[in-house]
Amino acid sequence: MASRRIICAAALAAGLALGSVGGGLLAAAPPAGTVVTITAHRFAYEPNLITVKKGQPVTIEISSSDRLHGFVLSAFGIRLDASPDGKNRVTFTPQQTGTFLFHCDVFCGDGHEEMSGTLIVEA
């Protein structure tokens, strides 16, 4: 019985040691790349023009300064809520260059249809 405890303790210690060395096996490193912070408000995004590089990960973090809004970047299959209660985020890697529009899909009053922006992906 004592040898079983020693083996379990040694296995636990080894697991903890492996998990704490150099970032460890237990923690996932965040993807390297660009972080874009967007604030939504009636009837705009700030910033509303974003430029990124093809093949490099992009994390979009979005929140709202006034009410619930939406964020749709159809070309990349992205849809997020922009809430005053906190940030929502998504990470993606653009594989095509070009100019892509994003827009709000939550009606927020007169002027809602103008709530849009542009993502430019450069080579």
C-alpha atoms as a PDB file:
ATOM      1  CA  MET A   1       0.000   0.000   0.000  1.00  0.00           C
ATOM      2  CA  ALA A   2       2.845   2.410   0.864  1.00  0.00           C
ATOM      3  CA  SER A   3       4.552   1.721  -2.479  1.00  0.00           C
ATOM      4  CA  ARG A   4       1.309   2.516  -4.302  1.00  0.00           C
ATOM      5  CA  ARG A   5       1.155   5.930  -2.525  1.00  0.00           C
ATOM      6  CA  ILE A   6       4.763   6.658  -3.447  1.00  0.00           C
ATOM      7  CA  ILE A   7       4.108   5.818  -7.122  1.00  0.00           C
ATOM      8  CA  CYS A   8       0.984   8.024  -7.188  1.00  0.00           C
ATOM      9  CA  ALA A   9       2.833  10.890  -5.513  1.00  0.00           C
ATOM     10  CA  ALA A  10       5.738  10.566  -7.966  1.00  0.00           C
ATOM     11  CA  ALA A  11       3.353  10.537 -10.950  1.00  0.00           C
ATOM     12  CA  LEU A  12       1.561  13.633  -9.637  1.00  0.00           C
ATOM     13  CA  ALA A  13       4.864  15.467  -9.057  1.00  0.00           C
ATOM     14  CA  ALA A  14       6.087  14.573 -12.550  1.00  0.00           C
ATOM     15  CA  GLY A  15       2.839  15.807 -14.087  1.00  0.00           C
ATOM     16  CA  LEU A  16       3.052  19.100 -12.220  1.00  0.00           C
ATOM     17  CA  ALA A  17       6.687  19.539 -13.208  1.00  0.00           C
ATOM     18  CA  LEU A  18       5.955  18.917 -16.894  1.00  0.00           C
ATOM     19  CA  GLY A  19       3.053  21.337 -16.786  1.00  0.00           C
ATOM     20  CA  SER A  20       5.155  24.143 -15.326  1.00  0.00           C
ATOM     21  CA  VAL A  21       8.309  23.919 -17.458  1.00  0.00           C
ATOM     22  CA  GLY A  22       8.556  26.416 -20.309  1.00  0.00           C
ATOM     23  CA  GLY A  23       4.841  27.090 -20.589  1.00  0.00           C
ATOM     24  CA  GLY A  24       4.113  23.425 -20.075  1.00  0.00           C
ATOM     25  CA  LEU A  25       2.026  20.862 -21.802  1.00  0.00           C
ATOM     26  CA  LEU A  26      -1.117  21.911 -19.962  1.00  0.00           C
ATOM     27  CA  ALA A  27      -1.412  25.511 -21.200  1.00  0.00           C
ATOM     28  CA  ALA A  28      -2.091  26.511 -24.793  1.00  0.00           C
ATOM     29  CA  ALA A  29      -0.147  29.501 -26.040  1.00  0.00           C
ATOM     30  CA  PRO A  30      -2.228  32.248 -27.637  1.00  0.00           C
ATOM     31  CA  PRO A  31      -1.751  32.530 -31.388  1.00  0.00           C
ATOM     32  CA  ALA A  32       0.764  35.133 -32.481  1.00  0.00           C
ATOM     33  CA  GLY A  33      -0.612  37.828 -34.721  1.00  0.00           C
ATOM     34  CA  THR A  34      -2.588  41.032 -34.741  1.00  0.00           C
ATOM     35  CA  VAL A  35      -5.180  41.990 -32.121  1.00  0.00           C
ATOM     36  CA  VAL A  36      -7.776  44.493 -33.312  1.00  0.00           C
ATOM     37  CA  THR A  37      -9.965  46.106 -30.649  1.00  0.00           C
ATOM     38  CA  ILE A  38     -13.254  47.472 -32.000  1.00  0.00           C
ATOM     39  CA  THR A  39     -15.850  49.542 -30.151  1.00  0.00           C
ATOM     40  CA  ALA A  40     -19.369  49.624 -31.576  1.00  0.00           C
ATOM     41  CA  HIS A  41     -21.818  52.447 -30.926  1.00  0.00           C
ATOM     42  CA  ARG A  42     -24.791  54.030 -32.683  1.00  0.00           C
ATOM     43  CA  PHE A  43     -24.117  54.001 -35.706  1.00  0.00           C
ATOM     44  CA  ALA A  44     -20.446  53.237 -36.218  1.00  0.00           C
ATOM     45  CA  TYR A  45     -17.494  51.023 -35.453  1.00  0.00           C
ATOM     46  CA  GLU A  46     -14.225  52.467 -34.203  1.00  0.00           C
ATOM     47  CA  PRO A  47     -12.036  51.809 -36.031  1.00  0.00           C
ATOM     48  CA  ASN A  48     -14.065  51.253 -39.184  1.00  0.00           C
ATOM     49  CA  LEU A  49     -11.024  50.568 -41.385  1.00  0.00           C
ATOM     50  CA  ILE A  50      -8.770  47.650 -40.479  1.00  0.00           C
ATOM     51  CA  THR A  51      -5.712  46.490 -42.419  1.00  0.00           C
ATOM     52  CA  VAL A  52      -4.128  43.063 -41.812  1.00  0.00           C
ATOM     53  CA  LYS A  53      -1.717  40.687 -43.557  1.00  0.00           C
ATOM     54  CA  LYS A  54      -2.669  37.543 -45.457  1.00  0.00           C
ATOM     55  CA  GLY A  55      -1.679  34.359 -43.631  1.00  0.00           C
ATOM     56  CA  GLN A  56      -1.205  36.044 -40.240  1.00  0.00           C
ATOM     57  CA  PRO A  57      -3.649  35.334 -37.391  1.00  0.00           C
ATOM     58  CA  VAL A  58      -6.014  38.166 -36.489  1.00  0.00           C
ATOM     59  CA  THR A  59      -7.950  38.393 -33.231  1.00  0.00           C
ATOM     60  CA  ILE A  60     -10.933  40.720 -33.256  1.00  0.00           C
ATOM     61  CA  GLU A  61     -12.043  41.876 -29.806  1.00  0.00           C
ATOM     62  CA  ILE A  62     -15.332  43.765 -29.868  1.00  0.00           C
ATOM     63  CA  SER A  63     -17.474  45.542 -27.313  1.00  0.00           C
ATOM     64  CA  SER A  64     -20.119  48.264 -27.324  1.00  0.00           C
ATOM     65  CA  SER A  65     -20.219  51.627 -25.594  1.00  0.00           C
ATOM     66  CA  ASP A  66     -24.010  51.919 -25.561  1.00  0.00           C
ATOM     67  CA  ARG A  67     -26.169  48.879 -26.405  1.00  0.00           C
ATOM     68  CA  LEU A  68     -26.146  45.487 -28.117  1.00  0.00           C
ATOM     69  CA  HIS A  69     -24.843  45.556 -31.683  1.00  0.00           C
ATOM     70  CA  GLY A  70     -23.789  42.847 -34.101  1.00  0.00           C
ATOM     71  CA  PHE A  71     -20.599  42.328 -36.091  1.00  0.00           C
ATOM     72  CA  VAL A  72     -20.747  40.314 -39.308  1.00  0.00           C
ATOM     73  CA  LEU A  73     -17.737  39.676 -41.542  1.00  0.00           C
ATOM     74  CA  SER A  74     -19.423  37.350 -44.031  1.00  0.00           C
ATOM     75  CA  ALA A  75     -16.391  36.659 -46.222  1.00  0.00           C
ATOM     76  CA  PHE A  76     -14.763  34.854 -43.284  1.00  0.00           C
ATOM     77  CA  GLY A  77     -17.909  33.374 -41.737  1.00  0.00           C
ATOM     78  CA  ILE A  78     -17.645  35.566 -38.633  1.00  0.00           C
ATOM     79  CA  ARG A  79     -20.556  36.805 -36.519  1.00  0.00           C
ATOM     80  CA  LEU A  80     -20.181  38.291 -33.023  1.00  0.00           C
ATOM     81  CA  ASP A  81     -22.289  40.244 -30.557  1.00  0.00           C
ATOM     82  CA  ALA A  82     -20.889  43.597 -29.452  1.00  0.00           C
ATOM     83  CA  SER A  83     -22.132  44.068 -25.907  1.00  0.00           C
ATOM     84  CA  PRO A  84     -21.589  46.768 -23.299  1.00  0.00           C
ATOM     85  CA  ASP A  85     -21.206  43.918 -20.765  1.00  0.00           C
ATOM     86  CA  GLY A  86     -17.810  42.774 -22.025  1.00  0.00           C
ATOM     87  CA  LYS A  87     -15.636  41.829 -24.970  1.00  0.00           C
ATOM     88  CA  ASN A  88     -16.280  39.046 -27.428  1.00  0.00           C
ATOM     89  CA  ARG A  89     -13.424  37.776 -29.548  1.00  0.00           C
ATOM     90  CA  VAL A  90     -12.657  35.580 -32.490  1.00  0.00           C
ATOM     91  CA  THR A  91      -9.343  34.579 -34.056  1.00  0.00           C
ATOM     92  CA  PHE A  92      -8.992  33.728 -37.726  1.00  0.00           C
ATOM     93  CA  THR A  93      -6.285  33.655 -40.369  1.00  0.00           C
ATOM     94  CA  PRO A  94      -7.189  35.383 -43.647  1.00  0.00           C
ATOM     95  CA  GLN A  95      -6.024  33.333 -46.626  1.00  0.00           C
ATOM     96  CA  GLN A  96      -7.176  35.697 -49.372  1.00  0.00           C
ATOM     97  CA  THR A  97      -6.268  39.280 -50.126  1.00  0.00           C
ATOM     98  CA  GLY A  98      -8.843  41.927 -50.874  1.00  0.00           C
ATOM     99  CA  THR A  99     -11.310  44.355 -49.389  1.00  0.00           C
ATOM    100  CA  PHE A 100     -14.110  42.942 -47.253  1.00  0.00           C
ATOM    101  CA  LEU A 101     -17.062  44.708 -45.658  1.00  0.00           C
ATOM    102  CA  PHE A 102     -18.373  44.143 -42.147  1.00  0.00           C
ATOM    103  CA  HIS A 103     -21.683  45.395 -40.767  1.00  0.00           C
ATOM    104  CA  CYS A 104     -24.106  45.405 -37.845  1.00  0.00           C
ATOM    105  CA  ASP A 105     -26.943  42.880 -37.959  1.00  0.00           C
ATOM    106  CA  VAL A 106     -28.776  44.035 -34.804  1.00  0.00           C
ATOM    107  CA  PHE A 107     -31.194  46.875 -35.503  1.00  0.00           C
ATOM    108  CA  CYS A 108     -30.113  49.856 -33.398  1.00  0.00           C
ATOM    109  CA  GLY A 109     -32.315  52.668 -34.736  1.00  0.00           C
ATOM    110  CA  ASP A 110     -32.371  55.117 -37.632  1.00  0.00           C
ATOM    111  CA  GLY A 111     -28.875  55.051 -39.105  1.00  0.00           C
ATOM    112  CA  HIS A 112     -28.395  51.323 -38.478  1.00  0.00           C
ATOM    113  CA  GLU A 113     -28.101  50.589 -42.204  1.00  0.00           C
ATOM    114  CA  GLU A 114     -24.992  52.810 -42.348  1.00  0.00           C
ATOM    115  CA  MET A 115     -23.179  50.932 -39.573  1.00  0.00           C
ATOM    116  CA  SER A 116     -20.384  49.245 -41.484  1.00  0.00           C
ATOM    117  CA  GLY A 117     -16.651  49.055 -41.927  1.00  0.00           C
ATOM    118  CA  THR A 118     -13.914  47.638 -44.109  1.00  0.00           C
ATOM    119  CA  LEU A 119     -11.270  44.972 -43.589  1.00  0.00           C
ATOM    120  CA  ILE A 120      -8.339  45.117 -46.005  1.00  0.00           C
ATOM    121  CA  VAL A 121      -6.160  42.015 -46.283  1.00  0.00           C
ATOM    122  CA  GLU A 122      -2.780  42.746 -47.877  1.00  0.00           C
ATOM    123  CA  ALA A 123      -0.240  40.300 -49.267  1.00  0.00           C
END
